[in-house]
Amino acid sequence: MVEDERYVFSARADILDRSNSQNTGRHADSTEDYAIVSRVLNSKTGKPIVIAAGITGLERVPPSNSSPIRTPSRRSQSPSQWLERKNIEVVLHASVTNGVPIAPDVVATYLW
């Protein structure tokens, strides 16, 4: 289901950009974390599927304990029909304090 996605995890737990080799190597450590969130349409049912995975634990933080995600201004440039017919992939970055990711930022998006 994710074989065609642009952003993927490497064997070393880096996030790689398959379309731009210059934009690779987003790597987490004890002070920062990265995650990939994808919304793809199931080719058989046409229904959306959401997939979320983090490098060290961003995806495990309960929503009640997490800060709102700060989105970049380019969000307004997304195609208007993506909610119905497009897939989206988002790379998130968050600073980590005491093992808890704080205020994730959107660092990359891809629509197809």
C-alpha atoms as a PDB file:
ATOM      1  CA  MET A   1       0.000   0.000   0.000  1.00  0.00           C
ATOM      2  CA  VAL A   2       2.892   2.407   0.647  1.00  0.00           C
ATOM      3  CA  GLU A   3       5.286   1.228  -2.057  1.00  0.00           C
ATOM      4  CA  ASP A   4       4.605   4.287  -4.232  1.00  0.00           C
ATOM      5  CA  GLU A   5       4.979   6.844  -1.451  1.00  0.00           C
ATOM      6  CA  ARG A   6       7.588   9.541  -1.813  1.00  0.00           C
ATOM      7  CA  TYR A   7       8.774   9.659   1.817  1.00  0.00           C
ATOM      8  CA  VAL A   8       9.931   6.360   3.317  1.00  0.00           C
ATOM      9  CA  PHE A   9      11.979   5.052   6.231  1.00  0.00           C
ATOM     10  CA  SER A  10      15.474   3.732   5.521  1.00  0.00           C
ATOM     11  CA  ALA A  11      16.992   0.715   7.216  1.00  0.00           C
ATOM     12  CA  ARG A  12      18.787   3.177   9.554  1.00  0.00           C
ATOM     13  CA  ALA A  13      15.455   4.817  10.552  1.00  0.00           C
ATOM     14  CA  ASP A  14      16.082   7.968   8.532  1.00  0.00           C
ATOM     15  CA  ILE A  15      13.324   9.482   6.426  1.00  0.00           C
ATOM     16  CA  LEU A  16      14.273   9.470   2.755  1.00  0.00           C
ATOM     17  CA  ASP A  17      12.770  11.443  -0.118  1.00  0.00           C
ATOM     18  CA  ARG A  18      12.682   9.082  -3.111  1.00  0.00           C
ATOM     19  CA  SER A  19      12.025  11.962  -5.533  1.00  0.00           C
ATOM     20  CA  ASN A  20      14.861  14.197  -4.338  1.00  0.00           C
ATOM     21  CA  SER A  21      18.099  12.616  -3.155  1.00  0.00           C
ATOM     22  CA  GLN A  22      19.247  16.047  -1.908  1.00  0.00           C
ATOM     23  CA  ASN A  23      16.367  16.037   0.607  1.00  0.00           C
ATOM     24  CA  THR A  24      17.263  12.935   2.620  1.00  0.00           C
ATOM     25  CA  GLY A  25      18.529  11.968   6.012  1.00  0.00           C
ATOM     26  CA  ARG A  26      15.942  13.372   8.404  1.00  0.00           C
ATOM     27  CA  HIS A  27      17.161  11.530  11.465  1.00  0.00           C
ATOM     28  CA  ALA A  28      15.755  11.515  14.978  1.00  0.00           C
ATOM     29  CA  ASP A  29      17.698  11.624  18.221  1.00  0.00           C
ATOM     30  CA  SER A  30      16.913  12.282  21.886  1.00  0.00           C
ATOM     31  CA  THR A  31      16.005  15.947  21.199  1.00  0.00           C
ATOM     32  CA  GLU A  32      13.957  15.638  18.005  1.00  0.00           C
ATOM     33  CA  ASP A  33      11.669  13.194  16.240  1.00  0.00           C
ATOM     34  CA  TYR A  34      10.174  12.736  12.781  1.00  0.00           C
ATOM     35  CA  ALA A  35       7.053  10.962  11.574  1.00  0.00           C
ATOM     36  CA  ILE A  36       5.301  10.231   8.301  1.00  0.00           C
ATOM     37  CA  VAL A  37       1.514  10.479   8.080  1.00  0.00           C
ATOM     38  CA  SER A  38      -0.182   9.309   4.891  1.00  0.00           C
ATOM     39  CA  ARG A  39      -3.758   9.362   3.712  1.00  0.00           C
ATOM     40  CA  VAL A  40      -4.195   7.134   0.677  1.00  0.00           C
ATOM     41  CA  LEU A  41      -7.260   5.913  -1.150  1.00  0.00           C
ATOM     42  CA  ASN A  42      -7.725   2.156  -1.125  1.00  0.00           C
ATOM     43  CA  SER A  43      -7.710   1.142  -4.789  1.00  0.00           C
ATOM     44  CA  LYS A  44     -10.331  -1.573  -4.197  1.00  0.00           C
ATOM     45  CA  THR A  45     -12.849   0.326  -2.059  1.00  0.00           C
ATOM     46  CA  GLY A  46     -12.067   3.960  -2.857  1.00  0.00           C
ATOM     47  CA  LYS A  47     -12.132   4.670   0.895  1.00  0.00           C
ATOM     48  CA  PRO A  48      -9.279   6.568   2.575  1.00  0.00           C
ATOM     49  CA  ILE A  49      -6.735   4.835   4.796  1.00  0.00           C
ATOM     50  CA  VAL A  50      -4.566   6.780   7.270  1.00  0.00           C
ATOM     51  CA  ILE A  51      -1.092   5.462   8.064  1.00  0.00           C
ATOM     52  CA  ALA A  52       1.127   7.063  10.727  1.00  0.00           C
ATOM     53  CA  ALA A  53       4.630   6.007  11.748  1.00  0.00           C
ATOM     54  CA  GLY A  54       7.371   7.739  13.676  1.00  0.00           C
ATOM     55  CA  ILE A  55      11.064   7.167  14.063  1.00  0.00           C
ATOM     56  CA  THR A  56      11.227   7.163  17.867  1.00  0.00           C
ATOM     57  CA  GLY A  57       7.726   7.640  19.235  1.00  0.00           C
ATOM     58  CA  LEU A  58       5.973  10.740  17.931  1.00  0.00           C
ATOM     59  CA  GLU A  59       3.054   8.587  16.835  1.00  0.00           C
ATOM     60  CA  ARG A  60       2.553   7.195  20.352  1.00  0.00           C
ATOM     61  CA  VAL A  61       1.739  10.489  22.051  1.00  0.00           C
ATOM     62  CA  PRO A  62      -1.965  10.594  22.983  1.00  0.00           C
ATOM     63  CA  PRO A  63      -3.808  13.479  21.270  1.00  0.00           C
ATOM     64  CA  SER A  64      -4.827  14.969  24.620  1.00  0.00           C
ATOM     65  CA  ASN A  65      -1.155  15.402  25.534  1.00  0.00           C
ATOM     66  CA  SER A  66       0.089  16.700  22.208  1.00  0.00           C
ATOM     67  CA  SER A  67       0.345  20.249  20.978  1.00  0.00           C
ATOM     68  CA  PRO A  68      -1.425  21.421  17.824  1.00  0.00           C
ATOM     69  CA  ILE A  69       0.460  20.855  14.607  1.00  0.00           C
ATOM     70  CA  ARG A  70       1.788  24.070  13.090  1.00  0.00           C
ATOM     71  CA  THR A  71       1.212  23.991   9.355  1.00  0.00           C
ATOM     72  CA  PRO A  72       3.184  26.078   6.880  1.00  0.00           C
ATOM     73  CA  SER A  73       1.505  28.760   4.805  1.00  0.00           C
ATOM     74  CA  ARG A  74       1.898  26.685   1.632  1.00  0.00           C
ATOM     75  CA  ARG A  75      -1.030  24.561   2.854  1.00  0.00           C
ATOM     76  CA  SER A  76      -3.374  26.985   1.107  1.00  0.00           C
ATOM     77  CA  GLN A  77      -1.729  26.079  -2.213  1.00  0.00           C
ATOM     78  CA  SER A  78      -2.993  22.462  -2.096  1.00  0.00           C
ATOM     79  CA  PRO A  79      -5.382  21.366  -4.854  1.00  0.00           C
ATOM     80  CA  SER A  80      -8.995  21.824  -3.779  1.00  0.00           C
ATOM     81  CA  GLN A  81     -10.062  18.268  -4.696  1.00  0.00           C
ATOM     82  CA  TRP A  82      -7.455  16.370  -2.694  1.00  0.00           C
ATOM     83  CA  LEU A  83      -9.924  15.500   0.059  1.00  0.00           C
ATOM     84  CA  GLU A  84     -11.972  13.449  -2.341  1.00  0.00           C
ATOM     85  CA  ARG A  85      -9.614  12.089  -4.996  1.00  0.00           C
ATOM     86  CA  LYS A  86      -6.004  12.684  -3.960  1.00  0.00           C
ATOM     87  CA  ASN A  87      -3.525  11.031  -1.644  1.00  0.00           C
ATOM     88  CA  ILE A  88      -1.359  13.065   0.724  1.00  0.00           C
ATOM     89  CA  GLU A  89       1.835  12.334   2.589  1.00  0.00           C
ATOM     90  CA  VAL A  90       3.116  14.610   5.362  1.00  0.00           C
ATOM     91  CA  VAL A  91       6.479  14.567   7.152  1.00  0.00           C
ATOM     92  CA  LEU A  92       6.334  15.951  10.698  1.00  0.00           C
ATOM     93  CA  HIS A  93       9.187  17.139  12.918  1.00  0.00           C
ATOM     94  CA  ALA A  94       8.942  17.751  16.644  1.00  0.00           C
ATOM     95  CA  SER A  95      11.340  18.810  19.346  1.00  0.00           C
ATOM     96  CA  VAL A  96      11.436  16.314  22.193  1.00  0.00           C
ATOM     97  CA  THR A  97      11.480  17.401  25.845  1.00  0.00           C
ATOM     98  CA  ASN A  98      11.645  14.771  28.598  1.00  0.00           C
ATOM     99  CA  GLY A  99      10.787  12.098  26.046  1.00  0.00           C
ATOM    100  CA  VAL A 100       7.643  13.907  24.823  1.00  0.00           C
ATOM    101  CA  PRO A 101       7.393  15.456  21.341  1.00  0.00           C
ATOM    102  CA  ILE A 102       6.333  19.120  21.537  1.00  0.00           C
ATOM    103  CA  ALA A 103       4.463  21.150  18.871  1.00  0.00           C
ATOM    104  CA  PRO A 104       5.082  19.180  15.680  1.00  0.00           C
ATOM    105  CA  ASP A 105       5.741  21.142  12.486  1.00  0.00           C
ATOM    106  CA  VAL A 106       4.963  20.066   8.937  1.00  0.00           C
ATOM    107  CA  VAL A 107       8.307  19.968   7.124  1.00  0.00           C
ATOM    108  CA  ALA A 108       7.241  18.348   3.854  1.00  0.00           C
ATOM    109  CA  THR A 109       4.067  17.427   2.012  1.00  0.00           C
ATOM    110  CA  TYR A 110       3.347  15.536  -1.170  1.00  0.00           C
ATOM    111  CA  LEU A 111       0.038  15.244  -3.008  1.00  0.00           C
ATOM    112  CA  TRP A 112      -0.643  12.767  -5.787  1.00  0.00           C
END
